[in-house]
Structure formats: structure tokens, C-alpha cells
Amino acid sequence: MKLLRSQESAEARAWESFDLLATMVAVVNPDGSCLYANAGLETMIGQSRRSLVKSSLLDWFREPAQLHEAIQAVSRNEFATRRFEGALRRSVVGFTDPLPVHVIVSQTEPSHQRILVEMLEIEQQTRQDREERAMGQAQITKELIRNLAHEIKNPLGGIRGAAQLLAMDLPSPELTEYTQVIIHEADRLQTLVDRLLAPHRKPHVIGDVNIHEVCERVRALVLAEHSRGLAVERDYDASLPEFRGDREQLIQALLNIVHNACQALSERIEQGDARIVLRTRVARQVTIGKQRYRLALELHVEDNGPGIPDSLKERIFYPLVSGREGGSGLGLTLAQTFVQQHQGTIECDSEPGRTVFKILIPLP
């Protein structure tokens, strides 16, 4: 009896590690009765762990037959793992529709007939894939920029120096106008290269950050530039705690996004009905990349502009991609870099009349 209790206690301690996973996990008997549910499953279904353990996992599936068959097949050792798509019922207020999930049924210890059921939210999986692609793209972009900057800077200095020497030997002042053009354009390219490199080599200045102070600073700067025709509304959650970060980087990231919105709103600013909303919220049980965080800052920048063209939606964070004539295409790239340096992410949802940039940053 003592040995059995010791084994069960060891199992329970081992199962506690499932709370660290971003996915929903349950350990069940071959009949589907629940032995353990992790924090992710509690949150998504909207029931306490104690309630879930007293029930059958089959009760929480819209079509339980497929899950029951998979559990039975794995328990009989016909398969080590079974995968299928299902729909999970929820009792969370405001979420009445079943949640589409990818289900993985696996063996744990056949001698004890414990079956592991892991559920991945399909939308979450899609979002994780998108975030991984964005992070991978950002890393590729970083390397590309470094290599490109190195190849540009050396000959650029030579061109500028040669133009200065040539200007000293030219007999006619009219001819020096051409060398001045060369020098001016070389300086402009040098500035562009420096802007590309700056976010990757500038060190963090870490301190306590109040996100509402960041929002108010950006709001003041934007309203000083657009004193008429633009309303910048606040919708703040006062319960948000401070967190450790680089205040100046976050100001610059938010300012770049808001400036982008202002440029998209140029026609509505002239008409006098342009609107930007800065909205802050606390997000709970958030997955960023492959890591789950208990709390996160959710900052929305919403505007009532024309929206982002479909041809640009997948590329707006790429460097040198701009939706307007004369744009550098660096604003959103730098914003993404600064947010990623805070272990966060930026998402965009856009349609005509409404564009929302959502920044997620983990909170302590």
C-alpha cells in the first residue's frame, strides 16, 4: 500500500511539470476519466482542476467518440500515438463556441494505463507558426542588414572622400555643385545605414517602465504635430503593473506605429475625423513564441484609416517595404525589433476603416 501511494505521489509530482507547458494537457484512464489537468486546460475550459478531475475528458468534447477510440487504441498498445482534429467545449463566459484543437493521444507508462492527452489550439498553433516565421525573418533580416551595411559603408566613405578632393581641385564654382550632390547623397546613404544598424547595436537601458507614461509621451508628440483633425483617445487599464524594460526603445516603437497610422490617416486628418485609440489591457495565460506567460501587457493601436493593402499585409514588417511614396520602410521594422528585444511580439489586423496593431510584452 505504501509503495502504491509513493508511486502515485511521484506521478503527481511529475504531472505538475505540465503546468509549465503552453498547451492543454490531461492524464486520463482508458475509460476517459480524468486523473490530472494542467493550468492551460483549466483556463481554456473555464473549470477548476478539481472539477475536471471528477469528470470524464470525453464530456468536454463535442464529438467524444473519436477521442474515446484513440484512448482505447493507445491503451491497448495498438498505437504509441494517435492524432486528430477535434472541438473542445468551454464554459468560459463570452466563449460559447467549441474551440478547434489538434489532439495528440500518447502512452505514458503502459503498466499503469495512464494516457496522456495533449490539445493544441489550432488558432494558437497558427499564431505560433506565424510568430516563429516572423522571428526567423527578423534574424535573417538582421544578418542581411549587417552584411549589406558592411559592403556599403566602405565604398561610401571612399566616394565621399574622392568627391571632397575633387571639389578642391575644380576650377569653376559651378562644377562643385556636382560634387556637393555626390557628398550630400553619400551622407544620406550613410544616415540610412546607421538607422538600419542602430537597433541592433544600441544597448538596452533597463529600468522600471510604466506603459501609460510611454503612451502619454507618444500621444503628446503626435498631437503636437497634428493639432487639428486628429483625436488620440485613451483606453487604459489602470491595474497594469510596471515592468523592466528600455523606456526609450518602447517610446520609439510605439511612436513609429502611431506615425504610421497618422500617415495612413492623412486624408481623414484633412477632413477632421481621424481617430487613433491607445488601449492597454492585461492578458492572462499568453503564449509568445513557444513560451507561456501568466501575465502579459496587451497594447493596441487602433485607427480608422483605409487599412493595409492585401499585397502588403504579409510584408509590412520587412525592411524597406513601404506603403507610401517616399517612405523609408524602416518604422515598423524597428518597432518589431524593439518589441522582440523585450521578449514580445507585434501582430496586425487590418480591414478598410479599422487597423489594429497589437503589442504583447510579458509582465512579471
Protein backbone atom coordinates (compact mmCIF):
# COMPACT_ATOMS: atom_id res chain seq x y z
CA MET A 1 0.00 0.00 0.00
CA LYS A 2 2.79 2.41 0.93
CA LEU A 3 4.61 1.55 -2.32
CA LEU A 4 1.47 2.28 -4.33
CA ARG A 5 0.96 5.61 -2.59
CA SER A 6 4.61 6.50 -3.16
CA GLN A 7 4.25 5.73 -6.88
CA GLU A 8 1.09 7.83 -7.12
CA SER A 9 2.80 10.71 -5.30
CA ALA A 10 5.76 10.53 -7.69
CA GLU A 11 3.35 10.56 -10.64
CA ALA A 12 1.55 13.62 -9.26
CA ARG A 13 4.83 15.50 -8.85
CA ALA A 14 5.84 14.59 -12.40
CA TRP A 15 2.48 15.77 -13.75
CA GLU A 16 2.94 19.17 -12.10
CA SER A 17 5.56 19.97 -14.73
CA PHE A 18 2.74 20.01 -17.32
CA ASP A 19 1.66 23.37 -15.85
CA LEU A 20 4.74 24.89 -17.49
CA LEU A 21 3.56 23.91 -20.97
CA ALA A 22 1.75 26.31 -23.28
CA THR A 23 -0.56 23.52 -24.46
CA MET A 24 -3.57 21.92 -22.73
CA VAL A 25 -2.74 18.58 -21.10
CA ALA A 26 -4.79 15.90 -19.36
CA VAL A 27 -3.82 12.49 -17.98
CA VAL A 28 -6.70 10.01 -18.21
CA ASN A 29 -7.61 6.39 -17.57
CA PRO A 30 -8.50 4.12 -20.53
CA ASP A 31 -12.20 4.92 -19.95
CA GLY A 32 -11.53 8.66 -20.33
CA SER A 33 -11.89 9.59 -16.64
CA CYS A 34 -9.57 12.47 -15.84
CA LEU A 35 -6.70 11.97 -13.39
CA TYR A 36 -4.95 15.28 -13.96
CA ALA A 37 -5.50 18.55 -15.86
CA ASN A 38 -2.86 21.24 -16.27
CA ALA A 39 -3.33 25.01 -15.84
CA GLY A 40 -3.71 25.56 -19.59
CA LEU A 41 -6.69 23.20 -19.77
CA GLU A 42 -8.26 24.78 -16.66
CA THR A 43 -8.04 28.24 -18.20
CA MET A 44 -9.29 27.27 -21.65
CA ILE A 45 -12.27 25.19 -20.48
CA GLY A 46 -13.12 27.52 -17.61
CA GLN A 47 -13.32 24.85 -14.91
CA SER A 48 -11.13 24.23 -11.88
CA ARG A 49 -8.75 21.30 -11.83
CA ARG A 50 -10.77 19.72 -9.03
CA SER A 51 -13.93 19.79 -11.17
CA LEU A 52 -12.14 18.37 -14.20
CA VAL A 53 -10.63 15.51 -12.22
CA LYS A 54 -14.11 14.50 -11.05
CA SER A 55 -15.36 14.26 -14.63
CA SER A 56 -14.52 12.46 -17.86
CA LEU A 57 -12.48 14.26 -20.50
CA LEU A 58 -14.92 12.82 -23.06
CA ASP A 59 -17.62 15.12 -21.65
CA TRP A 60 -15.69 18.16 -22.83
CA PHE A 61 -15.51 17.13 -26.48
CA ARG A 62 -18.24 17.95 -28.96
CA GLU A 63 -17.74 14.54 -30.65
CA PRO A 64 -16.25 12.28 -27.94
CA ALA A 65 -16.30 9.04 -29.97
CA GLN A 66 -13.08 9.85 -31.80
CA LEU A 67 -11.25 10.65 -28.55
CA HIS A 68 -12.61 7.51 -26.86
CA GLU A 69 -11.46 5.35 -29.78
CA ALA A 70 -7.98 6.92 -29.74
CA ILE A 71 -7.60 6.45 -25.96
CA GLN A 72 -8.72 2.83 -26.22
CA ALA A 73 -6.36 2.09 -29.13
CA VAL A 74 -3.38 3.63 -27.34
CA SER A 75 -4.20 1.86 -24.05
CA ARG A 76 -4.30 -1.49 -25.90
CA ASN A 77 -0.85 -0.68 -27.30
CA GLU A 78 -2.17 -0.71 -30.88
CA PHE A 79 -0.54 2.69 -31.38
CA ALA A 80 2.03 4.67 -29.42
CA THR A 81 0.42 7.94 -30.55
CA ARG A 82 -2.79 9.00 -32.26
CA ARG A 83 -3.51 12.45 -33.71
CA PHE A 84 -6.77 14.01 -34.87
CA GLU A 85 -8.68 17.28 -35.06
CA GLY A 86 -11.47 17.87 -32.54
CA ALA A 87 -13.56 20.56 -30.87
CA LEU A 88 -13.39 21.28 -27.13
CA ARG A 89 -16.43 22.53 -25.23
CA ARG A 90 -15.95 25.52 -22.93
CA SER A 91 -17.78 27.10 -20.02
CA VAL A 92 -15.88 30.40 -20.15
CA VAL A 93 -18.13 33.47 -20.04
CA GLY A 94 -18.29 35.01 -23.50
CA PHE A 95 -16.96 31.90 -25.27
CA THR A 96 -19.84 29.61 -26.18
CA ASP A 97 -18.48 28.19 -29.43
CA PRO A 98 -16.40 24.98 -29.26
CA LEU A 99 -12.65 25.50 -29.55
CA PRO A 100 -10.98 23.75 -32.53
CA VAL A 101 -7.99 21.76 -31.26
CA HIS A 102 -5.35 19.38 -32.56
CA VAL A 103 -5.37 16.36 -30.21
CA ILE A 104 -2.37 14.11 -29.53
CA VAL A 105 -3.06 10.92 -27.53
CA SER A 106 0.08 9.17 -26.27
CA GLN A 107 1.20 6.43 -23.92
CA THR A 108 2.86 7.31 -20.62
CA GLU A 109 3.50 4.17 -18.58
CA PRO A 110 1.59 1.20 -20.06
CA SER A 111 1.83 -0.73 -16.82
CA HIS A 112 -0.25 1.91 -15.06
CA GLN A 113 -2.56 2.50 -18.03
CA ARG A 114 -2.11 6.26 -17.87
CA ILE A 115 -2.88 8.00 -21.15
CA LEU A 116 -1.59 11.48 -21.98
CA VAL A 117 -3.92 13.72 -24.00
CA GLU A 118 -2.37 16.94 -25.30
CA MET A 119 -4.52 19.57 -27.03
CA LEU A 120 -3.16 22.41 -29.14
CA GLU A 121 -5.45 25.28 -30.03
CA ILE A 122 -5.41 25.34 -33.81
CA GLU A 123 -5.55 29.15 -33.90
CA GLN A 124 -2.74 29.27 -31.35
CA GLN A 125 -0.68 26.85 -33.42
CA THR A 126 -1.20 29.03 -36.48
CA ARG A 127 -0.21 32.11 -34.46
CA GLN A 128 2.89 30.36 -33.11
CA ASP A 129 3.91 29.35 -36.61
CA ARG A 130 3.44 32.94 -37.74
CA GLU A 131 5.48 34.27 -34.79
CA GLU A 132 8.25 31.76 -35.46
CA ARG A 133 8.34 32.82 -39.11
CA ALA A 134 8.46 36.49 -38.05
CA MET A 135 11.30 35.83 -35.58
CA GLY A 136 13.18 33.79 -38.16
CA GLN A 137 12.64 36.51 -40.75
CA ALA A 138 13.85 39.15 -38.26
CA GLN A 139 17.04 37.17 -37.66
CA ILE A 140 17.63 36.77 -41.40
CA THR A 141 16.95 40.47 -41.89
CA LYS A 142 19.40 41.32 -39.11
CA GLU A 143 22.19 39.35 -40.74
CA LEU A 144 21.33 40.73 -44.17
CA ILE A 145 21.42 44.31 -42.87
CA ARG A 146 24.75 43.81 -41.14
CA ASN A 147 26.34 42.32 -44.24
CA LEU A 148 24.80 44.90 -46.55
CA ALA A 149 25.84 47.79 -44.29
CA HIS A 150 29.41 46.50 -44.20
CA GLU A 151 29.53 46.27 -48.01
CA ILE A 152 28.05 49.77 -48.41
CA LYS A 153 29.93 51.73 -45.73
CA ASN A 154 33.48 51.16 -47.01
CA PRO A 155 32.97 52.23 -50.65
CA LEU A 156 30.64 55.01 -49.49
CA GLY A 157 33.44 56.59 -47.46
CA GLY A 158 35.74 56.34 -50.47
CA ILE A 159 33.20 58.02 -52.76
CA ARG A 160 32.65 60.88 -50.31
CA GLY A 161 36.39 61.42 -49.79
CA ALA A 162 37.09 61.41 -53.54
CA ALA A 163 34.29 63.93 -54.10
CA GLN A 164 35.77 66.25 -51.45
CA LEU A 165 39.24 66.04 -53.02
CA LEU A 166 37.79 66.64 -56.47
CA ALA A 167 35.89 69.72 -55.23
CA MET A 168 39.19 71.26 -54.01
CA ASP A 169 40.77 70.96 -57.47
CA LEU A 170 37.84 72.07 -59.62
CA PRO A 171 38.45 75.46 -61.26
CA SER A 172 34.81 76.50 -61.54
CA PRO A 173 32.42 77.01 -58.58
CA GLU A 174 29.59 75.81 -60.84
CA LEU A 175 31.24 72.41 -61.15
CA THR A 176 31.45 72.00 -57.37
CA GLU A 177 27.66 71.79 -57.29
CA TYR A 178 28.00 68.31 -58.76
CA THR A 179 30.49 67.22 -56.11
CA GLN A 180 28.17 68.65 -53.43
CA VAL A 181 25.40 66.44 -54.80
CA ILE A 182 27.69 63.41 -54.51
CA ILE A 183 28.65 64.33 -50.92
CA HIS A 184 25.04 65.03 -49.93
CA GLU A 185 23.78 61.71 -51.33
CA ALA A 186 26.68 59.82 -49.73
CA ASP A 187 25.75 61.38 -46.36
CA ARG A 188 22.10 60.44 -46.90
CA LEU A 189 23.05 56.81 -47.56
CA GLN A 190 25.32 56.83 -44.51
CA THR A 191 22.40 58.04 -42.36
CA LEU A 192 20.18 55.27 -43.77
CA VAL A 193 22.82 52.62 -42.98
CA ASP A 194 23.21 53.98 -39.44
CA ARG A 195 19.44 53.82 -38.91
CA LEU A 196 19.42 50.22 -40.09
CA LEU A 197 22.23 49.25 -37.72
CA ALA A 198 21.21 51.33 -34.69
CA PRO A 199 18.61 48.99 -33.11
CA HIS A 200 20.95 46.00 -33.34
CA ARG A 201 23.94 47.58 -31.66
CA LYS A 202 22.38 50.04 -29.19
CA PRO A 203 22.47 48.52 -25.68
CA HIS A 204 19.38 48.24 -23.51
CA VAL A 205 18.90 50.91 -20.84
CA ILE A 206 16.90 48.79 -18.42
CA GLY A 207 14.63 50.36 -15.82
CA ASP A 208 11.08 50.29 -14.46
CA VAL A 209 8.61 51.15 -17.23
CA ASN A 210 5.07 52.45 -16.80
CA ILE A 211 3.41 51.77 -20.15
CA HIS A 212 0.93 54.62 -19.64
CA GLU A 213 3.78 57.11 -19.32
CA VAL A 214 5.08 55.75 -22.64
CA CYS A 215 1.62 56.15 -24.22
CA GLU A 216 1.22 59.69 -22.88
CA ARG A 217 4.63 60.72 -24.21
CA VAL A 218 3.78 59.41 -27.67
CA ARG A 219 0.31 60.96 -27.53
CA ALA A 220 1.78 64.38 -26.69
CA LEU A 221 4.31 64.18 -29.53
CA VAL A 222 1.68 63.18 -32.09
CA LEU A 223 -0.85 65.83 -31.04
CA ALA A 224 1.87 68.49 -31.17
CA GLU A 225 2.45 67.51 -34.80
CA HIS A 226 -1.27 67.17 -35.66
CA SER A 227 -3.06 69.78 -33.59
CA ARG A 228 -6.20 69.65 -35.74
CA GLY A 229 -8.20 66.91 -37.42
CA LEU A 230 -6.85 64.04 -35.27
CA ALA A 231 -8.20 62.66 -31.99
CA VAL A 232 -5.93 60.36 -29.96
CA GLU A 233 -8.18 58.59 -27.48
CA ARG A 234 -7.07 56.79 -24.29
CA ASP A 235 -8.49 53.48 -23.09
CA TYR A 236 -6.15 52.45 -20.28
CA ASP A 237 -6.28 49.63 -17.75
CA ALA A 238 -5.04 51.29 -14.55
CA SER A 239 -4.26 47.91 -12.94
CA LEU A 240 -1.29 47.25 -15.24
CA PRO A 241 1.93 46.89 -13.21
CA GLU A 242 5.30 48.37 -14.11
CA PHE A 243 7.82 46.06 -15.74
CA ARG A 244 11.52 46.06 -16.52
CA GLY A 245 12.42 47.38 -19.94
CA ASP A 246 14.01 50.07 -22.07
CA ARG A 247 11.65 53.06 -21.88
CA GLU A 248 13.19 54.94 -24.82
CA GLN A 249 13.05 51.91 -27.09
CA LEU A 250 9.38 51.35 -26.26
CA ILE A 251 8.59 55.02 -26.87
CA GLN A 252 10.28 54.78 -30.25
CA ALA A 253 8.49 51.54 -31.12
CA LEU A 254 5.07 52.95 -30.24
CA LEU A 255 5.85 56.28 -31.91
CA ASN A 256 6.78 54.50 -35.15
CA ILE A 257 3.46 52.61 -35.16
CA VAL A 258 1.43 55.75 -34.37
CA HIS A 259 3.30 57.76 -37.01
CA ASN A 260 2.50 55.02 -39.49
CA ALA A 261 -1.17 55.35 -38.54
CA CYS A 262 -1.03 59.14 -38.95
CA GLN A 263 0.36 58.78 -42.45
CA ALA A 264 -2.42 56.36 -43.36
CA LEU A 265 -4.94 58.84 -41.89
CA SER A 266 -3.73 61.86 -43.87
CA GLU A 267 -6.98 62.23 -45.83
CA ARG A 268 -9.15 61.84 -42.74
CA ILE A 269 -6.98 64.33 -40.85
CA GLU A 270 -7.76 66.86 -43.58
CA GLN A 271 -11.47 66.00 -43.23
CA GLY A 272 -11.21 66.37 -39.45
CA ASP A 273 -12.46 62.93 -38.38
CA ALA A 274 -9.22 60.94 -37.97
CA ARG A 275 -9.06 58.83 -34.81
CA ILE A 276 -6.38 56.76 -33.08
CA VAL A 277 -7.09 54.75 -29.91
CA LEU A 278 -4.35 53.70 -27.48
CA ARG A 279 -5.75 50.77 -25.49
CA THR A 280 -3.99 48.80 -22.73
CA ARG A 281 -5.13 45.55 -21.13
CA VAL A 282 -3.78 42.71 -19.01
CA ALA A 283 -3.70 39.44 -20.96
CA ARG A 284 -3.62 36.18 -18.99
CA GLN A 285 -2.06 32.83 -19.88
CA VAL A 286 -0.44 34.16 -23.06
CA THR A 287 1.83 32.15 -25.33
CA ILE A 288 4.56 34.10 -27.10
CA GLY A 289 6.71 32.01 -29.36
CA LYS A 290 6.75 28.65 -27.58
CA GLN A 291 6.76 30.04 -24.04
CA ARG A 292 3.70 30.57 -21.89
CA TYR A 293 3.43 33.59 -19.59
CA ARG A 294 0.98 34.03 -16.74
CA LEU A 295 0.51 37.74 -17.47
CA ALA A 296 1.30 40.00 -20.40
CA LEU A 297 0.79 43.60 -21.41
CA GLU A 298 -1.55 43.94 -24.39
CA LEU A 299 -1.25 47.33 -26.09
CA HIS A 300 -3.50 48.14 -29.06
CA VAL A 301 -3.00 50.99 -31.53
CA GLU A 302 -6.26 51.28 -33.47
CA ASP A 303 -7.02 53.73 -36.27
CA ASN A 304 -9.95 54.39 -38.59
CA GLY A 305 -7.83 54.67 -41.73
CA PRO A 306 -8.24 52.94 -45.10
CA GLY A 307 -6.50 49.74 -43.99
CA ILE A 308 -3.39 47.97 -45.25
CA PRO A 309 -3.50 46.66 -48.84
CA ASP A 310 -3.67 42.87 -49.05
CA SER A 311 -0.46 42.87 -51.10
CA LEU A 312 1.44 44.37 -48.13
CA LYS A 313 -0.12 42.61 -45.13
CA GLU A 314 2.43 39.78 -45.07
CA ARG A 315 5.39 42.12 -45.64
CA ILE A 316 4.73 45.21 -43.54
CA PHE A 317 7.46 44.35 -41.01
CA TYR A 318 10.09 43.70 -43.68
CA PRO A 319 12.76 46.42 -44.02
CA LEU A 320 12.48 48.90 -46.89
CA VAL A 321 8.86 47.89 -47.58
CA SER A 322 6.61 50.95 -47.51
CA GLY A 323 3.00 51.56 -48.46
CA ARG A 324 3.51 55.23 -49.29
CA GLU A 325 5.55 57.25 -51.73
CA GLY A 326 8.82 58.38 -50.19
CA GLY A 327 8.56 56.13 -47.14
CA SER A 328 11.78 54.56 -45.82
CA GLY A 329 10.09 51.29 -44.85
CA LEU A 330 12.01 51.19 -41.55
CA GLY A 331 9.44 52.34 -38.97
CA LEU A 332 7.62 49.03 -38.42
CA THR A 333 10.84 47.03 -38.80
CA LEU A 334 12.44 49.00 -35.96
CA ALA A 335 9.26 48.75 -33.85
CA GLN A 336 9.26 44.96 -34.27
CA THR A 337 12.95 44.77 -33.35
CA PHE A 338 12.49 46.82 -30.17
CA VAL A 339 9.45 44.79 -29.06
CA GLN A 340 11.23 41.48 -29.74
CA GLN A 341 14.13 42.68 -27.58
CA HIS A 342 11.55 42.76 -24.74
CA GLN A 343 10.57 39.10 -25.50
CA GLY A 344 7.37 40.44 -27.05
CA THR A 345 5.63 40.32 -30.39
CA ILE A 346 3.59 42.57 -32.69
CA GLU A 347 0.54 41.46 -34.66
CA CYS A 348 -1.58 43.38 -37.14
CA ASP A 349 -5.23 43.04 -38.09
CA SER A 350 -6.46 45.34 -40.82
CA GLU A 351 -9.58 45.96 -42.87
CA PRO A 352 -10.96 49.09 -44.53
CA GLY A 353 -11.92 51.54 -41.79
CA ARG A 354 -10.09 49.74 -38.98
CA THR A 355 -6.46 48.75 -38.45
CA VAL A 356 -5.16 47.41 -35.13
CA PHE A 357 -1.53 46.82 -34.19
CA LYS A 358 -1.33 44.64 -31.07
CA ILE A 359 1.85 44.60 -28.96
CA LEU A 360 2.29 41.78 -26.43
CA ILE A 361 5.04 42.01 -23.80
CA PRO A 362 5.41 39.59 -20.84
CA LEU A 363 4.77 41.03 -17.37
CA PRO A 364 6.45 39.94 -14.11
